[in-house]
Amino acid sequence: MSIRNIVAVAIVGTMFTGCGLYNKYDGSLSPEGGTNGLFGVDVPAEAVGETSLATMSWREFFADPVLQQLIEQVLANNTDLNSARVAVEKSEASLKMARMAYLPSLYFSPQGTLSKFDDYPWSKTYNLPLQLSMDVDLFGSITNKKRASQAVLLQAQVREEAVRANLVSTTAQQYYMLQLLDQQLAILTLTDSLWNASLETQKILWENGKAYSTAVNQMESSYLNVKTQIVDTRRNIRATENALCRLLAIPPQHIDRKSWGSSALRRPWVGIIVSAIIFGLVHMNPVQMVFGFLYGLPLGWLAWRTGSLLPSIVVHVANNASVMLMPAAVDKAIGGMSLTTEGILVAVSLIVLFLGLRWFAQRYAAS
């Protein structure tokens, strides 16, 4: 072969190596190769730190063992996550098949026939075809199929992670919602007994000419409203439990859970403020809502400090009892309600709150 032929073959081969229907994807949006901040700025792992939520496992973030068990059961039984896992396995098989396309294909199908006519001997015919084929991938079709399979696999893996994260967050949200609803039901049950006692007191005062019938009607309306809220809260608890059972892929049933405040909270003031807001809303009176919220803050702190609702309930009952008994005594001494009487009631309420907080905090700290 002459030098001219060798050069011609080299030139033709070089031309074919640059020939392709598709080019490799380039994600740069600028001549410098950057993305102009389209997807944010890459932050080094050292700058994130070990305590970042991005690097924290959900087992570290949710310390409640009951919640951890629920999340593990959801991740094991949920049908959406299992479908995502199957999609990942299917994509992995497709990628493996696309990579195997680079290998040569060998076809071997031996055949044999026997034939006989009249008295002639048997005629034996054998066929041993052997075929070897290999795709050179001259135009990059196999490579692009492999890249497409890799993209599908990446998409399936990302979807699986998204489904897992969504299930973890939804399970934790429903679990904490159940705890809040249990707390709300306990407060409403206590409020129901207090409003019942207040209603009976107003009826006695009305029978003795010390109160108007409108006050009795207003008190009865508030009492029945609390009754309605108790029914609604129980229905919400059942609906939330059913939603969790649907995530767990089990029939509707009771979900075991700890009481609110029994597990360690990273930010206890969030729970204290939320419980104070609920405590204020339960009073169903604009003025009492404000005082209920302000009064609920120290009661919430006391429940978190002692780890029990009992001290807060005792302080609340003692405060209501003192406020209900003081007007009758002051009415006999002064002869009617006045601004002085209102100031005395506020002072008595603050004194009862202070003494209750101090006594219970010291008692539980010593134990």
Protein backbone atom coordinates (compact mmCIF):
# COMPACT_ATOMS: atom_id res chain seq x y z
CA MET A 1 0.00 0.00 0.00
CA SER A 2 1.36 3.33 -1.02
CA ILE A 3 1.78 6.30 1.29
CA ARG A 4 -0.96 8.12 -0.60
CA ASN A 5 -3.47 5.39 0.22
CA ILE A 6 -2.45 5.32 3.88
CA VAL A 7 -2.94 9.09 4.19
CA ALA A 8 -6.33 8.85 2.47
CA VAL A 9 -7.51 6.12 4.87
CA ALA A 10 -6.30 8.16 7.88
CA ILE A 11 -8.14 11.26 6.68
CA VAL A 12 -11.36 9.30 6.10
CA GLY A 13 -11.09 7.67 9.53
CA THR A 14 -10.58 11.06 11.20
CA MET A 15 -13.64 12.41 9.43
CA PHE A 16 -15.76 9.49 10.63
CA THR A 17 -14.64 9.91 14.25
CA GLY A 18 -16.02 13.43 14.29
CA CYS A 19 -19.27 12.43 12.67
CA GLY A 20 -22.25 12.02 14.97
CA LEU A 21 -25.94 12.71 15.17
CA TYR A 22 -25.76 13.85 18.80
CA ASN A 23 -23.24 15.78 20.82
CA LYS A 24 -22.43 15.34 24.47
CA TYR A 25 -24.55 17.54 26.73
CA ASP A 26 -22.81 20.65 27.99
CA GLY A 27 -24.54 22.34 30.91
CA SER A 28 -22.57 25.57 30.76
CA LEU A 29 -24.55 28.69 29.94
CA SER A 30 -21.60 31.05 29.57
CA PRO A 31 -18.31 31.03 27.65
CA GLU A 32 -16.46 30.68 30.93
CA GLY A 33 -18.28 27.42 31.62
CA GLY A 34 -20.41 28.61 34.53
CA THR A 35 -24.16 28.52 35.00
CA ASN A 36 -24.50 32.19 35.99
CA GLY A 37 -25.97 31.17 39.36
CA LEU A 38 -28.97 29.48 37.75
CA PHE A 39 -28.83 26.56 40.18
CA GLY A 40 -27.42 28.47 43.13
CA VAL A 41 -23.89 28.57 44.42
CA ASP A 42 -22.10 25.37 45.40
CA VAL A 43 -21.27 25.53 49.09
CA PRO A 44 -18.33 23.45 50.33
CA ALA A 45 -19.07 20.71 52.83
CA GLU A 46 -16.76 22.36 55.37
CA ALA A 47 -18.88 25.52 55.30
CA VAL A 48 -22.12 23.62 55.90
CA GLY A 49 -21.00 22.07 59.16
CA GLU A 50 -21.95 18.85 60.88
CA THR A 51 -25.11 20.26 62.54
CA SER A 52 -26.82 21.35 59.33
CA LEU A 53 -30.23 19.89 58.51
CA ALA A 54 -28.90 18.90 55.09
CA THR A 55 -26.41 16.48 56.64
CA MET A 56 -28.58 15.34 59.55
CA SER A 57 -30.36 12.01 59.50
CA TRP A 58 -34.07 11.93 60.28
CA ARG A 59 -33.29 9.61 63.20
CA GLU A 60 -31.19 12.38 64.75
CA PHE A 61 -33.76 15.07 64.01
CA PHE A 62 -36.75 13.11 65.41
CA ALA A 63 -35.65 11.74 68.77
CA ASP A 64 -39.01 10.20 69.72
CA PRO A 65 -38.57 6.38 69.54
CA VAL A 66 -42.29 5.86 68.81
CA LEU A 67 -42.10 8.26 65.87
CA GLN A 68 -38.93 6.56 64.63
CA GLN A 69 -40.71 3.20 64.66
CA LEU A 70 -43.64 4.66 62.72
CA ILE A 71 -41.35 6.19 60.10
CA GLU A 72 -39.46 2.91 59.64
CA GLN A 73 -42.76 1.06 59.23
CA VAL A 74 -43.97 3.62 56.67
CA LEU A 75 -40.73 3.36 54.68
CA ALA A 76 -41.04 -0.43 54.66
CA ASN A 77 -44.75 -0.76 53.77
CA ASN A 78 -45.72 2.32 51.76
CA THR A 79 -46.83 1.44 48.23
CA ASP A 80 -45.61 4.68 46.65
CA LEU A 81 -42.08 4.12 47.93
CA ASN A 82 -42.13 0.48 46.86
CA SER A 83 -43.20 1.58 43.36
CA ALA A 84 -40.30 4.05 43.31
CA ARG A 85 -37.90 1.26 44.33
CA VAL A 86 -39.20 -0.96 41.51
CA ALA A 87 -38.73 1.91 39.05
CA VAL A 88 -35.09 2.25 40.18
CA GLU A 89 -34.48 -1.48 39.70
CA LYS A 90 -36.08 -1.34 36.27
CA SER A 91 -33.89 1.62 35.29
CA GLU A 92 -30.78 -0.19 36.53
CA ALA A 93 -31.67 -3.19 34.37
CA SER A 94 -32.21 -0.94 31.34
CA LEU A 95 -28.83 0.73 31.92
CA LYS A 96 -27.13 -2.65 32.21
CA MET A 97 -28.75 -3.75 28.94
CA ALA A 98 -27.60 -0.52 27.24
CA ARG A 99 -24.01 -1.12 28.39
CA MET A 100 -24.11 -4.71 27.14
CA ALA A 101 -24.92 -3.38 23.66
CA TYR A 102 -21.20 -2.59 23.20
CA LEU A 103 -20.37 -6.30 23.30
CA PRO A 104 -20.52 -8.41 20.16
CA SER A 105 -23.58 -10.56 19.52
CA LEU A 106 -23.12 -14.28 18.89
CA TYR A 107 -25.88 -16.29 17.26
CA PHE A 108 -25.55 -20.08 17.18
CA SER A 109 -28.59 -22.18 16.29
CA PRO A 110 -27.67 -25.74 15.25
CA GLN A 111 -30.33 -27.68 13.34
CA GLY A 112 -30.66 -31.26 12.09
CA THR A 113 -33.18 -33.12 9.99
CA LEU A 114 -33.85 -36.79 9.22
CA SER A 115 -35.73 -37.84 6.10
CA LYS A 116 -36.60 -41.19 4.54
CA PHE A 117 -38.53 -42.17 1.41
CA ASP A 118 -39.75 -45.67 0.78
CA ASP A 119 -36.96 -48.18 1.10
CA TYR A 120 -34.14 -45.73 0.79
CA PRO A 121 -31.88 -45.23 3.83
CA TRP A 122 -32.28 -42.34 6.20
CA SER A 123 -30.99 -39.04 5.00
CA LYS A 124 -29.34 -36.87 7.67
CA THR A 125 -28.89 -33.17 7.20
CA TYR A 126 -27.01 -30.91 9.65
CA ASN A 127 -26.87 -27.13 9.78
CA LEU A 128 -24.48 -25.33 12.18
CA PRO A 129 -24.84 -21.60 11.55
CA LEU A 130 -22.54 -19.36 13.60
CA GLN A 131 -22.99 -15.62 13.29
CA LEU A 132 -20.98 -12.92 15.04
CA SER A 133 -22.05 -9.29 14.81
CA MET A 134 -20.85 -6.14 16.50
CA ASP A 135 -22.09 -2.58 16.28
CA VAL A 136 -19.14 -0.21 15.87
CA ASP A 137 -21.31 2.67 17.12
CA LEU A 138 -20.07 4.85 14.34
CA PHE A 139 -22.73 7.52 14.82
CA GLY A 140 -23.05 7.25 18.63
CA SER A 141 -26.46 5.60 18.79
CA ILE A 142 -25.42 3.08 21.47
CA THR A 143 -23.66 5.77 23.49
CA ASN A 144 -26.69 8.01 23.45
CA LYS A 145 -28.96 5.14 24.45
CA LYS A 146 -26.66 4.48 27.39
CA ARG A 147 -26.73 8.15 28.38
CA ALA A 148 -30.52 8.16 28.14
CA SER A 149 -30.65 5.09 30.40
CA GLN A 150 -28.36 6.83 32.89
CA ALA A 151 -30.62 9.89 32.89
CA VAL A 152 -33.70 7.72 33.47
CA LEU A 153 -31.92 5.93 36.33
CA LEU A 154 -30.91 9.23 37.91
CA GLN A 155 -34.47 10.48 37.60
CA ALA A 156 -35.82 7.32 39.27
CA GLN A 157 -33.30 7.60 42.11
CA VAL A 158 -34.14 11.26 42.70
CA ARG A 159 -37.86 10.43 42.69
CA GLU A 160 -37.27 7.67 45.24
CA GLU A 161 -35.42 10.10 47.52
CA ALA A 162 -38.19 12.68 47.08
CA VAL A 163 -40.88 10.13 47.97
CA ARG A 164 -38.87 9.00 51.00
CA ALA A 165 -38.38 12.57 52.25
CA ASN A 166 -42.05 13.34 51.71
CA LEU A 167 -43.11 10.25 53.64
CA VAL A 168 -40.80 11.08 56.56
CA SER A 169 -42.04 14.67 56.78
CA THR A 170 -45.71 13.70 56.37
CA THR A 171 -45.47 10.97 59.02
CA ALA A 172 -43.80 13.33 61.49
CA GLN A 173 -46.35 16.05 60.75
CA GLN A 174 -49.30 13.70 61.32
CA TYR A 175 -47.71 12.32 64.48
CA TYR A 176 -47.15 15.74 66.02
CA MET A 177 -50.62 16.78 64.89
CA LEU A 178 -52.01 13.84 66.89
CA GLN A 179 -50.07 14.99 69.93
CA LEU A 180 -51.39 18.53 69.55
CA LEU A 181 -54.94 17.26 69.11
CA ASP A 182 -54.59 15.12 72.24
CA GLN A 183 -53.36 18.18 74.10
CA GLN A 184 -56.23 20.24 72.73
CA LEU A 185 -58.72 17.57 73.74
CA ALA A 186 -57.31 17.51 77.27
CA ILE A 187 -57.58 21.31 77.52
CA LEU A 188 -61.10 21.27 76.11
CA THR A 189 -62.14 18.55 78.57
CA LEU A 190 -60.79 20.60 81.45
CA THR A 191 -62.43 23.73 80.05
CA ASP A 192 -65.71 21.83 79.76
CA SER A 193 -65.70 21.06 83.48
CA LEU A 194 -64.74 24.64 84.34
CA TRP A 195 -67.43 26.14 82.10
CA ASN A 196 -69.95 23.75 83.59
CA ALA A 197 -69.07 24.96 87.08
CA SER A 198 -69.20 28.58 85.89
CA LEU A 199 -72.60 27.98 84.29
CA GLU A 200 -74.00 26.52 87.49
CA THR A 201 -72.60 29.49 89.42
CA GLN A 202 -74.21 31.96 87.00
CA LYS A 203 -77.53 30.17 87.32
CA ILE A 204 -77.36 30.41 91.12
CA LEU A 205 -76.47 34.11 90.90
CA TRP A 206 -79.37 34.70 88.49
CA GLU A 207 -81.81 32.88 90.77
CA ASN A 208 -80.71 35.13 93.64
CA GLY A 209 -80.91 38.29 91.55
CA LYS A 210 -77.14 38.83 91.35
CA ALA A 211 -76.80 38.32 87.57
CA TYR A 212 -78.79 38.93 84.42
CA SER A 213 -80.36 36.22 82.30
CA THR A 214 -78.28 37.37 79.33
CA ALA A 215 -75.11 36.45 81.26
CA VAL A 216 -76.53 32.99 81.86
CA ASN A 217 -77.39 32.60 78.19
CA GLN A 218 -73.95 33.75 77.13
CA MET A 219 -72.30 31.34 79.56
CA GLU A 220 -74.48 28.47 78.32
CA SER A 221 -73.65 29.32 74.70
CA SER A 222 -69.93 29.23 75.47
CA TYR A 223 -70.37 25.95 77.32
CA LEU A 224 -72.15 24.33 74.36
CA ASN A 225 -69.50 25.71 72.01
CA VAL A 226 -66.82 23.91 74.02
CA LYS A 227 -68.91 20.73 73.77
CA THR A 228 -68.96 21.13 69.98
CA GLN A 229 -65.20 21.65 69.87
CA ILE A 230 -64.66 18.44 71.83
CA VAL A 231 -66.65 16.48 69.23
CA ASP A 232 -64.77 18.16 66.36
CA THR A 233 -61.40 17.46 67.99
CA ARG A 234 -62.22 13.78 68.44
CA ARG A 235 -63.27 13.57 64.79
CA ASN A 236 -60.01 15.26 63.73
CA ILE A 237 -58.03 12.77 65.82
CA ARG A 238 -59.76 9.88 64.08
CA ALA A 239 -59.19 11.42 60.63
CA THR A 240 -55.49 11.98 61.37
CA GLU A 241 -55.09 8.40 62.59
CA ASN A 242 -56.74 7.13 59.41
CA ALA A 243 -54.34 9.23 57.31
CA LEU A 244 -51.39 7.67 59.14
CA CYS A 245 -52.83 4.19 58.66
CA ARG A 246 -53.08 4.88 54.94
CA LEU A 247 -49.37 5.73 54.89
CA LEU A 248 -48.61 2.58 56.87
CA ALA A 249 -50.74 0.47 54.48
CA ILE A 250 -52.70 -1.00 57.40
CA PRO A 251 -56.42 -1.00 58.29
CA PRO A 252 -57.71 2.02 60.27
CA GLN A 253 -56.82 1.65 63.93
CA HIS A 254 -55.52 3.53 66.95
CA ILE A 255 -52.00 4.92 66.61
CA ASP A 256 -49.84 4.61 69.71
CA ARG A 257 -48.06 7.82 70.56
CA LYS A 258 -46.46 9.70 73.41
CA SER A 259 -48.05 12.70 75.03
CA TRP A 260 -47.06 16.20 73.95
CA GLY A 261 -43.94 17.37 75.75
CA SER A 262 -42.82 13.88 76.84
CA SER A 263 -40.02 13.80 74.24
CA ALA A 264 -37.13 16.24 74.18
CA LEU A 265 -37.74 19.29 71.99
CA ARG A 266 -34.94 21.22 70.32
CA ARG A 267 -37.00 24.43 70.47
CA PRO A 268 -39.41 24.21 73.42
CA TRP A 269 -40.57 27.83 73.01
CA VAL A 270 -42.27 26.93 69.73
CA GLY A 271 -44.47 24.40 71.51
CA ILE A 272 -45.06 26.78 74.41
CA ILE A 273 -46.24 29.57 72.11
CA VAL A 274 -48.47 27.23 70.08
CA SER A 275 -50.07 25.79 73.22
CA ALA A 276 -50.60 29.32 74.60
CA ILE A 277 -52.34 30.36 71.38
CA ILE A 278 -54.64 27.33 71.57
CA PHE A 279 -55.27 28.03 75.26
CA GLY A 280 -56.30 31.60 74.43
CA LEU A 281 -58.56 30.61 71.52
CA VAL A 282 -60.43 28.10 73.67
CA HIS A 283 -61.81 30.91 75.87
CA MET A 284 -63.94 32.17 72.92
CA ASN A 285 -63.90 35.78 74.16
CA PRO A 286 -61.73 38.53 72.64
CA VAL A 287 -60.64 39.93 76.00
CA GLN A 288 -60.16 36.52 77.59
CA MET A 289 -58.25 35.35 74.51
CA VAL A 290 -55.55 37.95 75.15
CA PHE A 291 -55.32 37.19 78.86
CA GLY A 292 -55.53 33.46 78.12
CA PHE A 293 -52.58 33.68 75.74
CA LEU A 294 -50.50 35.68 78.22
CA TYR A 295 -51.48 33.31 81.03
CA GLY A 296 -50.83 30.26 78.83
CA LEU A 297 -47.18 31.19 78.24
CA PRO A 298 -46.05 30.58 81.86
CA LEU A 299 -48.36 27.55 82.10
CA GLY A 300 -46.74 26.09 78.98
CA TRP A 301 -43.30 26.78 80.40
CA LEU A 302 -44.33 25.03 83.63
CA ALA A 303 -45.53 21.96 81.68
CA TRP A 304 -42.22 21.84 79.78
CA ARG A 305 -40.17 22.48 82.93
CA THR A 306 -41.86 19.75 84.95
CA GLY A 307 -42.57 17.34 82.08
CA SER A 308 -46.21 16.98 83.14
CA LEU A 309 -49.52 18.74 82.53
CA LEU A 310 -50.70 18.24 86.10
CA PRO A 311 -48.92 21.29 87.63
CA SER A 312 -50.32 23.60 84.94
CA ILE A 313 -53.83 22.20 85.46
CA VAL A 314 -53.57 22.67 89.23
CA VAL A 315 -52.36 26.28 88.88
CA HIS A 316 -55.14 27.03 86.39
CA VAL A 317 -57.84 25.54 88.62
CA ALA A 318 -56.47 27.39 91.65
CA ASN A 319 -56.46 30.65 89.72
CA ASN A 320 -60.05 30.22 88.51
CA ALA A 321 -61.23 29.22 91.97
CA SER A 322 -59.63 32.27 93.59
CA VAL A 323 -60.99 34.63 90.94
CA MET A 324 -64.50 33.17 91.28
CA LEU A 325 -64.50 33.39 95.09
CA MET A 326 -63.02 36.88 95.36
CA PRO A 327 -65.93 38.86 93.79
CA ALA A 328 -68.42 37.65 96.41
CA ALA A 329 -66.11 38.61 99.29
CA VAL A 330 -65.24 41.98 97.75
CA ASP A 331 -68.91 42.62 96.95
CA LYS A 332 -69.82 42.24 100.61
CA ALA A 333 -66.91 44.39 101.75
CA ILE A 334 -67.15 47.21 99.21
CA GLY A 335 -70.77 46.95 98.12
CA GLY A 336 -70.28 46.55 94.39
CA MET A 337 -67.72 45.87 91.68
CA SER A 338 -65.35 48.68 90.81
CA LEU A 339 -61.99 49.31 89.25
CA THR A 340 -60.43 48.59 92.64
CA THR A 341 -62.05 45.19 92.66
CA GLU A 342 -60.78 44.42 89.16
CA GLY A 343 -57.27 45.37 90.23
CA ILE A 344 -57.51 43.10 93.26
CA LEU A 345 -58.61 40.20 91.05
CA VAL A 346 -55.68 40.73 88.67
CA ALA A 347 -53.26 40.93 91.61
CA VAL A 348 -54.68 37.73 93.15
CA SER A 349 -54.37 35.96 89.79
CA LEU A 350 -50.74 37.01 89.40
CA ILE A 351 -49.92 35.99 92.96
CA VAL A 352 -51.47 32.54 92.48
CA LEU A 353 -49.57 32.14 89.21
CA PHE A 354 -46.26 33.18 90.73
CA LEU A 355 -46.62 30.96 93.78
CA GLY A 356 -47.71 27.98 91.67
CA LEU A 357 -44.84 28.36 89.23
CA ARG A 358 -42.28 28.72 91.99
CA TRP A 359 -43.54 25.84 94.11
CA PHE A 360 -43.90 23.32 91.29
CA ALA A 361 -40.63 24.29 89.64
CA GLN A 362 -38.72 23.83 92.91
CA ARG A 363 -40.55 20.60 93.76
CA TYR A 364 -39.89 18.93 90.40
CA ALA A 365 -36.32 20.24 90.32
CA ALA A 366 -35.65 18.64 93.71
CA SER A 367 -37.17 15.32 92.62
